[in-house]
PDB file of N, CA and C in Angstrom:
ATOM      1  N   MET A   1       0.849  -1.171   0.000  1.00  0.00           N
ATOM      2  CA  MET A   1       0.000   0.000   0.000  1.00  0.00           C
ATOM      3  C   MET A   1       0.896   1.237   0.000  1.00  0.00           C
ATOM      4  N   GLY A   2       0.717   2.141  -0.966  1.00  0.00           N
ATOM      5  CA  GLY A   2       1.545   3.324  -1.095  1.00  0.00           C
ATOM      6  C   GLY A   2       1.065   4.459  -0.217  1.00  0.00           C
ATOM      7  N   HIS A   3       1.820   5.537  -0.234  1.00  0.00           N
ATOM      8  CA  HIS A   3       1.511   6.721   0.586  1.00  0.00           C
ATOM      9  C   HIS A   3       0.150   7.325   0.233  1.00  0.00           C
ATOM     10  N   THR A   4      -0.216   7.267  -1.038  1.00  0.00           N
ATOM     11  CA  THR A   4      -1.472   7.889  -1.451  1.00  0.00           C
ATOM     12  C   THR A   4      -2.508   6.853  -1.879  1.00  0.00           C
ATOM     13  N   GLU A   5      -2.370   5.635  -1.396  1.00  0.00           N
ATOM     14  CA  GLU A   5      -3.349   4.583  -1.650  1.00  0.00           C
ATOM     15  C   GLU A   5      -3.644   3.903  -0.341  1.00  0.00           C
ATOM     16  N   HIS A   6      -4.898   3.866   0.042  1.00  0.00           N
ATOM     17  CA  HIS A   6      -5.289   3.266   1.309  1.00  0.00           C
ATOM     18  C   HIS A   6      -6.269   2.144   1.030  1.00  0.00           C
ATOM     19  N   GLU A   7      -6.210   1.107   1.804  1.00  0.00           N
ATOM     20  CA  GLU A   7      -7.050  -0.076   1.666  1.00  0.00           C
ATOM     21  C   GLU A   7      -8.227   0.079   0.712  1.00  0.00           C
ATOM     22  N   GLY A   8      -8.042  -0.391  -0.510  1.00  0.00           N
ATOM     23  CA  GLY A   8      -9.123  -0.387  -1.477  1.00  0.00           C
ATOM     24  C   GLY A   8      -9.408   0.957  -2.120  1.00  0.00           C
ATOM     25  N   HIS A   9      -8.570   1.938  -1.873  1.00  0.00           N
ATOM     26  CA  HIS A   9      -8.808   3.273  -2.432  1.00  0.00           C
ATOM     27  C   HIS A   9      -7.663   3.651  -3.370  1.00  0.00           C
ATOM     28  N   SER A  10      -7.767   3.224  -4.607  1.00  0.00           N
ATOM     29  CA  SER A  10      -6.708   3.493  -5.568  1.00  0.00           C
ATOM     30  C   SER A  10      -6.735   4.928  -6.084  1.00  0.00           C
ATOM     31  N   ASP A  11      -7.821   5.664  -5.838  1.00  0.00           N
ATOM     32  CA  ASP A  11      -7.902   7.029  -6.346  1.00  0.00           C
ATOM     33  C   ASP A  11      -7.503   8.088  -5.324  1.00  0.00           C
ATOM     34  N   CYS A  12      -6.848   7.699  -4.253  1.00  0.00           N
ATOM     35  CA  CYS A  12      -6.440   8.658  -3.216  1.00  0.00           C
ATOM     36  C   CYS A  12      -5.538   9.755  -3.778  1.00  0.00           C
ATOM     37  N   SER A  13      -4.552   9.395  -4.585  1.00  0.00           N
ATOM     38  CA  SER A  13      -3.636  10.407  -5.100  1.00  0.00           C
ATOM     39  C   SER A  13      -4.384  11.406  -5.976  1.00  0.00           C
ATOM     40  N   GLU A  14      -5.350  10.954  -6.742  1.00  0.00           N
ATOM     41  CA  GLU A  14      -6.146  11.851  -7.578  1.00  0.00           C
ATOM     42  C   GLU A  14      -6.974  12.800  -6.714  1.00  0.00           C
ATOM     43  N   VAL A  15      -7.603  12.283  -5.691  1.00  0.00           N
ATOM     44  CA  VAL A  15      -8.414  13.110  -4.792  1.00  0.00           C
ATOM     45  C   VAL A  15      -7.531  14.137  -4.092  1.00  0.00           C
ATOM     46  N   LEU A  16      -6.417  13.701  -3.537  1.00  0.00           N
ATOM     47  CA  LEU A  16      -5.545  14.624  -2.810  1.00  0.00           C
ATOM     48  C   LEU A  16      -4.907  15.655  -3.728  1.00  0.00           C
ATOM     49  N   HIS A  17      -4.653  15.277  -4.977  1.00  0.00           N
ATOM     50  CA  HIS A  17      -4.074  16.210  -5.950  1.00  0.00           C
ATOM     51  C   HIS A  17      -5.035  17.376  -6.223  1.00  0.00           C
ATOM     52  N   HIS A  18      -6.334  17.126  -6.123  1.00  0.00           N
ATOM     53  CA  HIS A  18      -7.337  18.138  -6.434  1.00  0.00           C
ATOM     54  C   HIS A  18      -8.084  18.647  -5.196  1.00  0.00           C
ATOM     55  N   ILE A  19      -7.535  18.404  -4.015  1.00  0.00           N
ATOM     56  CA  ILE A  19      -8.261  18.728  -2.789  1.00  0.00           C
ATOM     57  C   ILE A  19      -8.529  20.232  -2.646  1.00  0.00           C
ATOM     58  N   TYR A  20      -7.597  21.078  -3.105  1.00  0.00           N
ATOM     59  CA  TYR A  20      -7.827  22.520  -2.990  1.00  0.00           C
ATOM     60  C   TYR A  20      -8.897  22.996  -3.964  1.00  0.00           C
ATOM     61  N   GLU A  21      -8.990  22.372  -5.115  1.00  0.00           N
ATOM     62  CA  GLU A  21     -10.089  22.690  -6.028  1.00  0.00           C
ATOM     63  C   GLU A  21     -11.423  22.337  -5.361  1.00  0.00           C
ATOM     64  N   TYR A  22     -11.447  21.232  -4.664  1.00  0.00           N
ATOM     65  CA  TYR A  22     -12.651  20.811  -3.944  1.00  0.00           C
ATOM     66  C   TYR A  22     -12.982  21.810  -2.833  1.00  0.00           C
ATOM     67  N   LEU A  23     -11.978  22.166  -2.055  1.00  0.00           N
ATOM     68  CA  LEU A  23     -12.188  23.105  -0.952  1.00  0.00           C
ATOM     69  C   LEU A  23     -12.609  24.494  -1.442  1.00  0.00           C
ATOM     70  N   ASP A  24     -12.123  24.880  -2.615  1.00  0.00           N
ATOM     71  CA  ASP A  24     -12.413  26.212  -3.155  1.00  0.00           C
ATOM     72  C   ASP A  24     -13.683  26.246  -4.001  1.00  0.00           C
ATOM     73  N   GLY A  25     -14.359  25.100  -4.148  1.00  0.00           N
ATOM     74  CA  GLY A  25     -15.585  25.063  -4.941  1.00  0.00           C
ATOM     75  C   GLY A  25     -15.339  25.250  -6.424  1.00  0.00           C
ATOM     76  N   GLU A  26     -14.216  24.750  -6.906  1.00  0.00           N
ATOM     77  CA  GLU A  26     -13.833  24.934  -8.305  1.00  0.00           C
ATOM     78  C   GLU A  26     -13.956  23.651  -9.117  1.00  0.00           C
ATOM     79  N   MET A  27     -14.833  22.745  -8.702  1.00  0.00           N
ATOM     80  CA  MET A  27     -15.011  21.469  -9.399  1.00  0.00           C
ATOM     81  C   MET A  27     -16.417  21.380  -9.966  1.00  0.00           C
ATOM     82  N   SER A  28     -16.552  20.545 -10.965  1.00  0.00           N
ATOM     83  CA  SER A  28     -17.877  20.277 -11.514  1.00  0.00           C
ATOM     84  C   SER A  28     -18.698  19.511 -10.473  1.00  0.00           C
ATOM     85  N   PRO A  29     -20.015  19.557 -10.566  1.00  0.00           N
ATOM     86  CA  PRO A  29     -20.842  18.801  -9.617  1.00  0.00           C
ATOM     87  C   PRO A  29     -20.507  17.308  -9.588  1.00  0.00           C
ATOM     88  N   ALA A  30     -20.194  16.734 -10.734  1.00  0.00           N
ATOM     89  CA  ALA A  30     -19.848  15.305 -10.784  1.00  0.00           C
ATOM     90  C   ALA A  30     -18.551  15.036 -10.030  1.00  0.00           C
ATOM     91  N   ASP A  31     -17.564  15.916 -10.189  1.00  0.00           N
ATOM     92  CA  ASP A  31     -16.292  15.749  -9.480  1.00  0.00           C
ATOM     93  C   ASP A  31     -16.467  15.967  -7.978  1.00  0.00           C
ATOM     94  N   VAL A  32     -17.301  16.932  -7.600  1.00  0.00           N
ATOM     95  CA  VAL A  32     -17.578  17.175  -6.174  1.00  0.00           C
ATOM     96  C   VAL A  32     -18.186  15.918  -5.562  1.00  0.00           C
ATOM     97  N   LYS A  33     -19.123  15.312  -6.252  1.00  0.00           N
ATOM     98  CA  LYS A  33     -19.762  14.098  -5.746  1.00  0.00           C
ATOM     99  C   LYS A  33     -18.754  12.962  -5.606  1.00  0.00           C
ATOM    100  N   ARG A  34     -17.875  12.817  -6.606  1.00  0.00           N
ATOM    101  CA  ARG A  34     -16.863  11.752  -6.576  1.00  0.00           C
ATOM    102  C   ARG A  34     -15.917  11.943  -5.390  1.00  0.00           C
ATOM    103  N   VAL A  35     -15.443  13.183  -5.195  1.00  0.00           N
ATOM    104  CA  VAL A  35     -14.517  13.461  -4.098  1.00  0.00           C
ATOM    105  C   VAL A  35     -15.224  13.280  -2.750  1.00  0.00           C
ATOM    106  N   ALA A  36     -16.438  13.795  -2.639  1.00  0.00           N
ATOM    107  CA  ALA A  36     -17.187  13.675  -1.382  1.00  0.00           C
ATOM    108  C   ALA A  36     -17.426  12.211  -1.028  1.00  0.00           C
ATOM    109  N   THR A  37     -17.746  11.403  -2.021  1.00  0.00           N
ATOM    110  CA  THR A  37     -17.943   9.972  -1.789  1.00  0.00           C
ATOM    111  C   THR A  37     -16.652   9.328  -1.309  1.00  0.00           C
ATOM    112  N   HIS A  38     -15.553   9.675  -1.954  1.00  0.00           N
ATOM    113  CA  HIS A  38     -14.256   9.125  -1.556  1.00  0.00           C
ATOM    114  C   HIS A  38     -13.917   9.537  -0.121  1.00  0.00           C
ATOM    115  N   LEU A  39     -14.115  10.815   0.201  1.00  0.00           N
ATOM    116  CA  LEU A  39     -13.798  11.291   1.546  1.00  0.00           C
ATOM    117  C   LEU A  39     -14.655  10.609   2.605  1.00  0.00           C
ATOM    118  N   ALA A  40     -15.883  10.304   2.265  1.00  0.00           N
ATOM    119  CA  ALA A  40     -16.777   9.626   3.211  1.00  0.00           C
ATOM    120  C   ALA A  40     -16.315   8.204   3.499  1.00  0.00           C
ATOM    121  N   GLU A  41     -15.558   7.614   2.584  1.00  0.00           N
ATOM    122  CA  GLU A  41     -15.128   6.223   2.710  1.00  0.00           C
ATOM    123  C   GLU A  41     -13.667   6.061   3.098  1.00  0.00           C
ATOM    124  N   CYS A  42     -12.894   7.141   3.052  1.00  0.00           N
ATOM    125  CA  CYS A  42     -11.437   7.030   3.239  1.00  0.00           C
ATOM    126  C   CYS A  42     -10.979   7.968   4.353  1.00  0.00           C
ATOM    127  N   ARG A  43     -10.765   7.418   5.532  1.00  0.00           N
ATOM    128  CA  ARG A  43     -10.391   8.236   6.693  1.00  0.00           C
ATOM    129  C   ARG A  43      -9.069   8.980   6.503  1.00  0.00           C
ATOM    130  N   PRO A  44      -8.017   8.372   5.922  1.00  0.00           N
ATOM    131  CA  PRO A  44      -6.763   9.122   5.742  1.00  0.00           C
ATOM    132  C   PRO A  44      -6.940  10.344   4.828  1.00  0.00           C
ATOM    133  N   CYS A  45      -7.720  10.197   3.772  1.00  0.00           N
ATOM    134  CA  CYS A  45      -7.947  11.338   2.878  1.00  0.00           C
ATOM    135  C   CYS A  45      -8.823  12.381   3.554  1.00  0.00           C
ATOM    136  N   LEU A  46      -9.794  11.954   4.338  1.00  0.00           N
ATOM    137  CA  LEU A  46     -10.634  12.889   5.077  1.00  0.00           C
ATOM    138  C   LEU A  46      -9.788  13.686   6.072  1.00  0.00           C
ATOM    139  N   ALA A  47      -8.848  13.022   6.716  1.00  0.00           N
ATOM    140  CA  ALA A  47      -7.954  13.709   7.653  1.00  0.00           C
ATOM    141  C   ALA A  47      -7.124  14.758   6.921  1.00  0.00           C
ATOM    142  N   GLU A  48      -6.636  14.417   5.731  1.00  0.00           N
ATOM    143  CA  GLU A  48      -5.866  15.379   4.929  1.00  0.00           C
ATOM    144  C   GLU A  48      -6.755  16.547   4.512  1.00  0.00           C
ATOM    145  N   HIS A  49      -7.971  16.256   4.111  1.00  0.00           N
ATOM    146  CA  HIS A  49      -8.947  17.300   3.758  1.00  0.00           C
ATOM    147  C   HIS A  49      -9.159  18.248   4.937  1.00  0.00           C
ATOM    148  N   ASP A  50      -9.381  17.684   6.120  1.00  0.00           N
ATOM    149  CA  ASP A  50      -9.631  18.498   7.306  1.00  0.00           C
ATOM    150  C   ASP A  50      -8.433  19.371   7.648  1.00  0.00           C
ATOM    151  N   LEU A  51      -7.239  18.825   7.509  1.00  0.00           N
ATOM    152  CA  LEU A  51      -6.019  19.589   7.769  1.00  0.00           C
ATOM    153  C   LEU A  51      -5.885  20.736   6.773  1.00  0.00           C
ATOM    154  N   ASP A  52      -6.081  20.448   5.494  1.00  0.00           N
ATOM    155  CA  ASP A  52      -5.979  21.489   4.469  1.00  0.00           C
ATOM    156  C   ASP A  52      -7.041  22.564   4.671  1.00  0.00           C
ATOM    157  N   ALA A  53      -8.254  22.171   5.048  1.00  0.00           N
ATOM    158  CA  ALA A  53      -9.328  23.138   5.306  1.00  0.00           C
ATOM    159  C   ALA A  53      -8.960  24.033   6.491  1.00  0.00           C
ATOM    160  N   ALA A  54      -8.380  23.448   7.519  1.00  0.00           N
ATOM    161  CA  ALA A  54      -7.966  24.220   8.693  1.00  0.00           C
ATOM    162  C   ALA A  54      -6.865  25.218   8.332  1.00  0.00           C
ATOM    163  N   VAL A  55      -5.906  24.797   7.523  1.00  0.00           N
ATOM    164  CA  VAL A  55      -4.826  25.693   7.095  1.00  0.00           C
ATOM    165  C   VAL A  55      -5.399  26.869   6.312  1.00  0.00           C
ATOM    166  N   LYS A  56      -6.332  26.581   5.397  1.00  0.00           N
ATOM    167  CA  LYS A  56      -6.958  27.651   4.627  1.00  0.00           C
ATOM    168  C   LYS A  56      -7.677  28.643   5.546  1.00  0.00           C
ATOM    169  N   GLN A  57      -8.350  28.161   6.564  1.00  0.00           N
ATOM    170  CA  GLN A  57      -9.062  29.032   7.494  1.00  0.00           C
ATOM    171  C   GLN A  57      -8.098  29.918   8.278  1.00  0.00           C
ATOM    172  N   VAL A  58      -6.996  29.348   8.721  1.00  0.00           N
ATOM    173  CA  VAL A  58      -6.003  30.117   9.484  1.00  0.00           C
ATOM    174  C   VAL A  58      -5.389  31.204   8.602  1.00  0.00           C
ATOM    175  N   VAL A  59      -5.039  30.849   7.381  1.00  0.00           N
ATOM    176  CA  VAL A  59      -4.457  31.837   6.466  1.00  0.00           C
ATOM    177  C   VAL A  59      -5.471  32.937   6.171  1.00  0.00           C
ATOM    178  N   LYS A  60      -6.700  32.564   5.911  1.00  0.00           N
ATOM    179  CA  LYS A  60      -7.743  33.559   5.624  1.00  0.00           C
ATOM    180  C   LYS A  60      -7.945  34.491   6.812  1.00  0.00           C
ATOM    181  N   ARG A  61      -8.004  33.924   7.996  1.00  0.00           N
ATOM    182  CA  ARG A  61      -8.217  34.722   9.205  1.00  0.00           C
ATOM    183  C   ARG A  61      -7.020  35.640   9.469  1.00  0.00           C
ATOM    184  N   SER A  62      -5.819  35.146   9.191  1.00  0.00           N
ATOM    185  CA  SER A  62      -4.607  35.916   9.482  1.00  0.00           C
ATOM    186  C   SER A  62      -4.342  37.010   8.457  1.00  0.00           C
ATOM    187  N   CYS A  63      -4.797  36.821   7.245  1.00  0.00           N
ATOM    188  CA  CYS A  63      -4.426  37.743   6.168  1.00  0.00           C
ATOM    189  C   CYS A  63      -5.621  38.417   5.513  1.00  0.00           C
ATOM    190  N   HIS A  64      -6.770  38.364   6.114  1.00  0.00           N
ATOM    191  CA  HIS A  64      -7.962  38.817   5.414  1.00  0.00           C
ATOM    192  C   HIS A  64      -7.980  40.305   5.095  1.00  0.00           C
ATOM    193  N   GLU A  65      -7.252  41.129   5.816  1.00  0.00           N
ATOM    194  CA  GLU A  65      -7.253  42.561   5.541  1.00  0.00           C
ATOM    195  C   GLU A  65      -6.060  42.999   4.696  1.00  0.00           C
ATOM    196  N   GLU A  66      -5.145  42.108   4.438  1.00  0.00           N
ATOM    197  CA  GLU A  66      -3.965  42.454   3.658  1.00  0.00           C
ATOM    198  C   GLU A  66      -4.217  42.138   2.186  1.00  0.00           C
ATOM    199  N   THR A  67      -3.678  42.965   1.311  1.00  0.00           N
ATOM    200  CA  THR A  67      -3.750  42.700  -0.119  1.00  0.00           C
ATOM    201  C   THR A  67      -2.340  42.518  -0.651  1.00  0.00           C
ATOM    202  N   ALA A  68      -2.244  41.764  -1.699  1.00  0.00           N
ATOM    203  CA  ALA A  68      -0.937  41.536  -2.310  1.00  0.00           C
ATOM    204  C   ALA A  68      -0.471  42.807  -3.002  1.00  0.00           C
ATOM    205  N   PRO A  69       0.828  43.075  -2.973  1.00  0.00           N
ATOM    206  CA  PRO A  69       1.352  44.246  -3.687  1.00  0.00           C
ATOM    207  C   PRO A  69       1.032  44.129  -5.189  1.00  0.00           C
ATOM    208  N   ALA A  70       0.857  45.254  -5.842  1.00  0.00           N
ATOM    209  CA  ALA A  70       0.499  45.269  -7.269  1.00  0.00           C
ATOM    210  C   ALA A  70       1.526  44.517  -8.109  1.00  0.00           C
ATOM    211  N   THR A  71       2.809  44.628  -7.765  1.00  0.00           N
ATOM    212  CA  THR A  71       3.837  43.938  -8.555  1.00  0.00           C
ATOM    213  C   THR A  71       3.703  42.422  -8.435  1.00  0.00           C
ATOM    214  N   LEU A  72       3.367  41.943  -7.254  1.00  0.00           N
ATOM    215  CA  LEU A  72       3.173  40.506  -7.066  1.00  0.00           C
ATOM    216  C   LEU A  72       1.952  40.034  -7.846  1.00  0.00           C
ATOM    217  N   ARG A  73       0.874  40.778  -7.782  1.00  0.00           N
ATOM    218  CA  ARG A  73      -0.334  40.418  -8.522  1.00  0.00           C
ATOM    219  C   ARG A  73      -0.040  40.348 -10.016  1.00  0.00           C
ATOM    220  N   LEU A  74       0.707  41.295 -10.545  1.00  0.00           N
ATOM    221  CA  LEU A  74       1.059  41.324 -11.960  1.00  0.00           C
ATOM    222  C   LEU A  74       1.900  40.099 -12.328  1.00  0.00           C
ATOM    223  N   ARG A  75       2.888  39.767 -11.483  1.00  0.00           N
ATOM    224  CA  ARG A  75       3.722  38.586 -11.744  1.00  0.00           C
ATOM    225  C   ARG A  75       2.887  37.318 -11.764  1.00  0.00           C
ATOM    226  N   ILE A  76       1.925  37.206 -10.852  1.00  0.00           N
ATOM    227  CA  ILE A  76       1.072  36.012 -10.798  1.00  0.00           C
ATOM    228  C   ILE A  76       0.231  35.915 -12.057  1.00  0.00           C
ATOM    229  N   VAL A  77      -0.373  37.017 -12.477  1.00  0.00           N
ATOM    230  CA  VAL A  77      -1.192  37.009 -13.689  1.00  0.00           C
ATOM    231  C   VAL A  77      -0.334  36.647 -14.901  1.00  0.00           C
ATOM    232  N   GLN A  78       0.864  37.202 -14.983  1.00  0.00           N
ATOM    233  CA  GLN A  78       1.765  36.871 -16.097  1.00  0.00           C
ATOM    234  C   GLN A  78       2.127  35.398 -16.081  1.00  0.00           C
ATOM    235  N   ARG A  79       2.378  34.842 -14.906  1.00  0.00           N
ATOM    236  CA  ARG A  79       2.742  33.424 -14.789  1.00  0.00           C
ATOM    237  C   ARG A  79       1.577  32.542 -15.210  1.00  0.00           C
ATOM    238  N   ILE A  80       0.370  32.886 -14.773  1.00  0.00           N
ATOM    239  CA  ILE A  80      -0.820  32.115 -15.148  1.00  0.00           C
ATOM    240  C   ILE A  80      -1.004  32.147 -16.656  1.00  0.00           C
ATOM    241  N   THR A  81      -0.825  33.317 -17.241  1.00  0.00           N
ATOM    242  CA  THR A  81      -0.960  33.451 -18.692  1.00  0.00           C
ATOM    243  C   THR A  81       0.078  32.600 -19.404  1.00  0.00           C
ATOM    244  N   THR A  82       1.317  32.624 -18.931  1.00  0.00           N
ATOM    245  CA  THR A  82       2.380  31.832 -19.535  1.00  0.00           C
ATOM    246  C   THR A  82       2.077  30.342 -19.421  1.00  0.00           C
ATOM    247  N   VAL A  83       1.663  29.884 -18.244  1.00  0.00           N
ATOM    248  CA  VAL A  83       1.361  28.478 -18.045  1.00  0.00           C
ATOM    249  C   VAL A  83       0.185  28.059 -18.928  1.00  0.00           C
ATOM    250  N   THR A  84      -0.840  28.890 -19.001  1.00  0.00           N
ATOM    251  CA  THR A  84      -2.010  28.578 -19.811  1.00  0.00           C
ATOM    252  C   THR A  84      -1.622  28.481 -21.285  1.00  0.00           C
ATOM    253  N   ARG A  85      -0.842  29.408 -21.755  1.00  0.00           N
ATOM    254  CA  ARG A  85      -0.415  29.366 -23.152  1.00  0.00           C
ATOM    255  C   ARG A  85       0.450  28.148 -23.426  1.00  0.00           C
ATOM    256  N   THR A  86       1.331  27.814 -22.499  1.00  0.00           N
ATOM    257  CA  THR A  86       2.187  26.644 -22.659  1.00  0.00           C
ATOM    258  C   THR A  86       1.332  25.381 -22.723  1.00  0.00           C
ATOM    259  N   ASP A  87       0.339  25.279 -21.863  1.00  0.00           N
ATOM    260  CA  ASP A  87      -0.550  24.123 -21.851  1.00  0.00           C
ATOM    261  C   ASP A  87      -1.317  24.017 -23.159  1.00  0.00           C
ATOM    262  N   LEU A  88      -1.768  25.134 -23.684  1.00  0.00           N
ATOM    263  CA  LEU A  88      -2.539  25.138 -24.930  1.00  0.00           C
ATOM    264  C   LEU A  88      -1.676  24.806 -26.126  1.00  0.00           C
ATOM    265  N   ASP A  89      -0.420  25.273 -26.119  1.00  0.00           N
ATOM    266  CA  ASP A  89       0.487  25.044 -27.237  1.00  0.00           C
ATOM    267  C   ASP A  89       1.078  23.639 -27.229  1.00  0.00           C
ATOM    268  N   GLY A  90       1.242  23.082 -26.057  1.00  0.00           N
ATOM    269  CA  GLY A  90       1.979  21.839 -25.944  1.00  0.00           C
ATOM    270  C   GLY A  90       1.160  20.662 -25.990  1.00  0.00           C
TER     271      GLY A  90
END
């Protein structure tokens, strides 16, 4: 049994790879249902979900009034654009 596979759960690595999309509500309804079903059946993945959700809450609570500097925001947008174009071209 590997680090991301738990008794009878071969899709653990896939679920954990997309856990932030799940937490952020960025998945299709079908994917949300698949992940929710997996989490209901897999305690190790549910524990990871709970930990990631807690981290997101702490970061949100700690930084909710701060905004990123304009230069950082610009760099992030440029990076996203570059990655998106690379994905589309490749």
